[in-house]
């Protein structure tokens, strides 16, 4: 039975007979060595030539032991957590957590053949899998950040997206970075807006009609006019994080592409 800091092991034979006492060991190198010594003792004492370790894949806590078993060439399988819960209910009509009882139930499921052999990625496969996990995290962070930026626009410049279809476009992003508030746009000349779009947005020929529409939207904006100092800091922080995450995502995807080519 797997946990974050300590695991519990029970041994039984292919007929379901419990062998020896349960072992509690830590999720450390010393704990794993104690587990392997216990396994060897059980095999020798009960004259067993083969051993199959079973475990419930609890979160990510099982991976350290699983990879160690793989390195030691010890066969192991995983059981479905739902099967463990149902088996406990059938045994004593109680699904409550008990490490020793859980270890016994897992051993019984292994004996009955109700397990599967997990595929643990190695080498480049492991790199790709870890990279995909990181990518998913970055994409999730970007989605959350996009939601915060939309909330900001709703409060301080709700007319912004009537001028720009997407706030993450070059001109829109340059605007949010340097003159995000309607009051700032009202005090900025069209020439200065065009300069900002050219310098920070990389726009070669800024649209004067778009600038006019933007400043007209700013002039009639119903956005909040309180807390503007922190509002500007908020949008600056979020835009900075957005650009950083986009750069990280691009670099990661390039690295993943290179890794996939080596498979």
Protein backbone atom coordinates (compact mmCIF):
# COMPACT_ATOMS: atom_id res chain seq x y z
CA UNK A 1 0.00 0.00 0.00
CA UNK A 2 1.56 3.26 -1.20
CA UNK A 3 1.56 6.58 0.68
CA UNK A 4 3.59 9.79 0.56
CA UNK A 5 6.09 9.02 3.30
CA UNK A 6 5.55 5.39 4.32
CA UNK A 7 4.45 2.25 2.50
CA UNK A 8 3.06 -1.01 3.89
CA UNK A 9 3.84 -4.42 2.39
CA UNK A 10 2.21 -7.80 2.99
CA UNK A 11 3.22 -11.15 1.55
CA UNK A 12 1.01 -14.06 0.56
CA UNK A 13 1.42 -17.11 -1.63
CA UNK A 14 -0.48 -18.14 -4.74
CA UNK A 15 -3.11 -19.86 -2.58
CA UNK A 16 -3.85 -16.71 -0.60
CA UNK A 17 -2.01 -17.75 2.57
CA UNK A 18 -0.49 -14.79 4.43
CA UNK A 19 3.25 -15.12 4.90
CA UNK A 20 4.88 -13.43 7.88
CA UNK A 21 4.13 -10.01 9.28
CA UNK A 22 3.44 -6.78 7.44
CA UNK A 23 6.36 -4.46 6.76
CA UNK A 24 6.19 -0.68 7.03
CA UNK A 25 9.01 1.10 5.21
CA UNK A 26 9.80 4.69 4.31
CA UNK A 27 9.91 6.22 0.85
CA UNK A 28 13.70 6.53 1.06
CA UNK A 29 16.71 4.57 -0.16
CA UNK A 30 17.03 3.01 3.29
CA UNK A 31 13.35 2.12 3.26
CA UNK A 32 13.60 0.50 -0.15
CA UNK A 33 16.63 -1.52 0.96
CA UNK A 34 14.62 -2.72 3.96
CA UNK A 35 11.81 -3.73 1.61
CA UNK A 36 14.12 -5.71 -0.68
CA UNK A 37 15.72 -7.41 2.32
CA UNK A 38 12.23 -8.34 3.55
CA UNK A 39 11.33 -9.69 0.11
CA UNK A 40 14.44 -11.83 0.04
CA UNK A 41 13.73 -13.09 3.56
CA UNK A 42 10.14 -14.02 2.62
CA UNK A 43 11.33 -15.88 -0.47
CA UNK A 44 14.00 -17.79 1.40
CA UNK A 45 11.90 -18.57 4.46
CA UNK A 46 8.92 -19.84 2.49
CA UNK A 47 10.93 -21.38 -0.36
CA UNK A 48 9.49 -19.23 -3.14
CA UNK A 49 11.44 -18.88 -6.38
CA UNK A 50 9.42 -16.04 -7.89
CA UNK A 51 7.92 -12.85 -6.54
CA UNK A 52 5.41 -10.40 -7.98
CA UNK A 53 5.01 -7.04 -6.26
CA UNK A 54 1.62 -5.38 -6.51
CA UNK A 55 0.69 -1.81 -5.73
CA UNK A 56 -2.10 0.71 -6.06
CA UNK A 57 -0.87 3.65 -8.21
CA UNK A 58 -1.66 6.40 -5.72
CA UNK A 59 -1.04 9.80 -7.32
CA UNK A 60 2.65 10.03 -8.19
CA UNK A 61 3.87 8.49 -4.94
CA UNK A 62 4.24 5.00 -6.42
CA UNK A 63 6.68 6.03 -9.15
CA UNK A 64 9.83 6.08 -7.00
CA UNK A 65 9.31 2.51 -5.86
CA UNK A 66 8.15 1.40 -9.30
CA UNK A 67 11.30 2.64 -11.04
CA UNK A 68 13.45 1.10 -8.32
CA UNK A 69 11.71 -2.25 -8.85
CA UNK A 70 12.32 -1.93 -12.58
CA UNK A 71 16.02 -1.22 -11.99
CA UNK A 72 16.25 -4.27 -9.71
CA UNK A 73 14.45 -6.40 -12.34
CA UNK A 74 11.66 -7.24 -9.88
CA UNK A 75 8.30 -7.98 -11.54
CA UNK A 76 5.46 -5.74 -10.43
CA UNK A 77 1.90 -4.89 -11.37
CA UNK A 78 -0.67 -2.27 -10.48
CA UNK A 79 -4.27 -2.72 -9.38
CA UNK A 80 -7.23 -0.49 -10.08
CA UNK A 81 -8.00 1.77 -7.06
CA UNK A 82 -11.71 1.19 -7.66
CA UNK A 83 -11.18 -2.57 -7.36
CA UNK A 84 -9.37 -2.03 -4.06
CA UNK A 85 -12.27 0.01 -2.69
CA UNK A 86 -14.89 -2.51 -3.82
CA UNK A 87 -12.91 -5.46 -2.48
CA UNK A 88 -12.66 -3.82 0.94
CA UNK A 89 -16.40 -3.28 1.00
CA UNK A 90 -17.01 -6.93 0.11
CA UNK A 91 -14.57 -8.19 2.75
CA UNK A 92 -15.91 -6.31 5.77
CA UNK A 93 -18.55 -3.91 4.42
CA UNK A 94 -16.20 -0.99 5.09
CA UNK A 95 -14.32 1.12 2.54
CA UNK A 96 -12.36 2.96 5.25
CA UNK A 97 -8.62 3.45 4.88
CA UNK A 98 -6.38 0.97 6.67
CA UNK A 99 -2.85 0.50 5.37
CA UNK A 100 -2.40 -3.12 6.44
CA UNK A 101 -5.88 -4.09 5.23
CA UNK A 102 -5.27 -2.30 1.94
CA UNK A 103 -1.98 -4.12 1.43
CA UNK A 104 -3.77 -7.42 2.03
CA UNK A 105 -6.53 -6.54 -0.46
CA UNK A 106 -3.95 -5.55 -3.08
CA UNK A 107 -2.11 -8.84 -2.57
CA UNK A 108 -5.37 -10.73 -3.05
CA UNK A 109 -6.13 -8.85 -6.28
CA UNK A 110 -2.66 -9.69 -7.58
CA UNK A 111 -3.19 -13.37 -6.71
CA UNK A 112 -6.49 -13.35 -8.60
CA UNK A 113 -4.83 -11.86 -11.66
CA UNK A 114 -6.77 -8.60 -11.44
CA UNK A 115 -3.84 -6.33 -12.22
CA UNK A 116 -1.94 -4.89 -15.16
CA UNK A 117 1.72 -4.36 -15.95
CA UNK A 118 2.42 -0.63 -16.15
CA UNK A 119 4.54 0.84 -18.90
CA UNK A 120 7.21 3.01 -17.33
CA UNK A 121 8.80 5.32 -19.90
CA UNK A 122 12.59 5.27 -20.01
CA UNK A 123 15.30 7.41 -21.61
CA UNK A 124 13.89 9.65 -24.37
CA UNK A 125 10.35 8.38 -23.78
CA UNK A 126 10.57 9.61 -20.20
CA UNK A 127 11.89 12.98 -21.38
CA UNK A 128 9.00 13.38 -23.83
CA UNK A 129 6.41 12.41 -21.22
CA UNK A 130 7.86 14.86 -18.68
CA UNK A 131 7.97 17.55 -21.35
CA UNK A 132 4.31 17.00 -22.23
CA UNK A 133 3.43 17.35 -18.54
CA UNK A 134 5.30 20.67 -18.39
CA UNK A 135 3.58 21.82 -21.58
CA UNK A 136 0.15 21.04 -20.12
CA UNK A 137 1.04 23.05 -17.02
CA UNK A 138 2.14 26.05 -19.09
CA UNK A 139 -1.00 25.87 -21.23
CA UNK A 140 -3.10 25.75 -18.06
CA UNK A 141 -1.25 28.77 -16.65
CA UNK A 142 -1.81 30.64 -19.91
CA UNK A 143 -5.52 29.91 -19.87
CA UNK A 144 -5.82 31.16 -16.29
CA UNK A 145 -3.82 34.27 -17.18
CA UNK A 146 -6.00 34.97 -20.22
CA UNK A 147 -9.04 34.83 -17.96
CA UNK A 148 -7.49 37.40 -15.61
CA UNK A 149 -6.70 39.73 -18.50
CA UNK A 150 -10.26 39.46 -19.81
CA UNK A 151 -11.51 40.30 -16.31
CA UNK A 152 -9.24 43.33 -16.24
CA UNK A 153 -10.57 44.55 -19.58
CA UNK A 154 -14.15 44.08 -18.41
CA UNK A 155 -13.46 46.36 -15.47
CA UNK A 156 -11.17 49.04 -16.84
CA UNK A 157 -11.66 49.12 -20.62
CA UNK A 158 -14.73 47.09 -21.68
CA UNK A 159 -14.74 48.71 -25.14
CA UNK A 160 -11.22 47.49 -25.94
CA UNK A 161 -12.34 44.31 -27.70
CA UNK A 162 -14.71 46.26 -29.95
CA UNK A 163 -11.58 47.67 -31.57
CA UNK A 164 -9.39 44.57 -31.40
CA UNK A 165 -10.74 41.07 -31.98
CA UNK A 166 -7.96 39.61 -29.84
CA UNK A 167 -6.06 41.35 -27.04
CA UNK A 168 -2.97 39.22 -27.75
CA UNK A 169 -2.41 40.64 -31.25
CA UNK A 170 0.63 42.86 -31.86
CA UNK A 171 -1.11 46.24 -31.72
CA UNK A 172 -3.42 45.28 -28.87
CA UNK A 173 -0.58 43.85 -26.80
CA UNK A 174 1.58 46.94 -27.35
CA UNK A 175 -1.35 49.09 -26.24
CA UNK A 176 -1.92 47.07 -23.07
CA UNK A 177 1.78 47.19 -22.25
CA UNK A 178 2.23 50.96 -22.60
CA UNK A 179 -1.11 52.83 -22.66
CA UNK A 180 -3.69 50.38 -21.30
CA UNK A 181 -6.12 52.78 -19.62
CA UNK A 182 -8.73 54.88 -21.44
CA UNK A 183 -7.55 58.01 -19.62
CA UNK A 184 -4.00 57.47 -20.88
CA UNK A 185 -5.20 56.99 -24.45
CA UNK A 186 -7.22 60.20 -24.23
CA UNK A 187 -4.05 62.10 -23.37
CA UNK A 188 -1.88 60.43 -26.04
CA UNK A 189 -1.54 61.82 -29.54
CA UNK A 190 -2.35 59.56 -32.51
CA UNK A 191 1.27 59.93 -33.60
CA UNK A 192 2.49 58.60 -30.26
CA UNK A 193 0.11 55.62 -30.45
CA UNK A 194 1.43 54.85 -33.93
CA UNK A 195 4.98 55.11 -32.61
CA UNK A 196 4.20 52.66 -29.78
CA UNK A 197 2.68 50.18 -32.20
CA UNK A 198 5.71 50.45 -34.49
CA UNK A 199 8.35 50.30 -31.76
CA UNK A 200 6.84 47.73 -29.41
CA UNK A 201 4.40 45.89 -31.66
CA UNK A 202 6.59 45.60 -34.72
CA UNK A 203 3.83 47.07 -36.89
CA UNK A 204 5.37 48.65 -39.99
CA UNK A 205 2.33 50.63 -41.07
CA UNK A 206 0.03 51.37 -38.11
CA UNK A 207 -3.59 51.85 -39.12
CA UNK A 208 -4.65 55.42 -38.44
CA UNK A 209 -8.30 54.37 -38.69
CA UNK A 210 -7.68 51.76 -35.96
CA UNK A 211 -5.99 54.40 -33.82
CA UNK A 212 -8.97 56.72 -34.29
CA UNK A 213 -11.42 53.96 -33.36
CA UNK A 214 -9.36 53.09 -30.28
CA UNK A 215 -9.24 56.66 -29.04
CA UNK A 216 -12.95 57.13 -29.71
CA UNK A 217 -13.63 53.98 -27.66
CA UNK A 218 -11.42 55.35 -24.89
CA UNK A 219 -13.27 58.66 -24.99
CA UNK A 220 -16.65 57.04 -24.36
CA UNK A 221 -15.39 54.28 -22.07
CA UNK A 222 -17.40 53.32 -19.00
CA UNK A 223 -14.38 51.62 -17.45
CA UNK A 224 -13.61 52.12 -13.78
CA UNK A 225 -11.72 55.27 -12.89
CA UNK A 226 -10.69 54.26 -9.37
CA UNK A 227 -7.68 52.24 -8.29
CA UNK A 228 -5.95 53.01 -11.57
CA UNK A 229 -2.40 52.89 -10.23
CA UNK A 230 -2.80 49.28 -9.16
CA UNK A 231 -4.85 48.54 -12.26
CA UNK A 232 -1.89 49.53 -14.41
CA UNK A 233 0.46 47.43 -12.30
CA UNK A 234 -1.92 44.48 -12.56
CA UNK A 235 -2.13 44.55 -16.35
CA UNK A 236 1.63 45.14 -16.68
CA UNK A 237 2.33 42.13 -14.46
CA UNK A 238 -0.10 39.91 -16.34
CA UNK A 239 1.17 40.93 -19.78
CA UNK A 240 4.76 40.32 -18.67
CA UNK A 241 3.83 36.84 -17.40
CA UNK A 242 1.88 36.13 -20.58
CA UNK A 243 4.86 36.94 -22.81
CA UNK A 244 7.20 34.93 -20.60
CA UNK A 245 4.90 31.88 -20.68
CA UNK A 246 4.53 32.15 -24.46
CA UNK A 247 8.31 32.19 -24.82
CA UNK A 248 8.66 29.20 -22.49
CA UNK A 249 5.98 27.32 -24.42
CA UNK A 250 7.68 28.01 -27.75
CA UNK A 251 11.09 26.89 -26.44
CA UNK A 252 9.62 23.76 -24.85
CA UNK A 253 7.73 22.76 -27.99
CA UNK A 254 10.92 23.15 -30.04
CA UNK A 255 12.77 20.94 -27.54
CA UNK A 256 9.98 18.36 -27.66
CA UNK A 257 10.10 18.32 -31.46
CA UNK A 258 13.84 17.63 -31.32
CA UNK A 259 13.31 14.84 -28.78
CA UNK A 260 10.59 13.19 -30.85
CA UNK A 261 12.92 13.09 -33.85
CA UNK A 262 15.38 10.98 -31.80
CA UNK A 263 12.82 8.31 -30.89
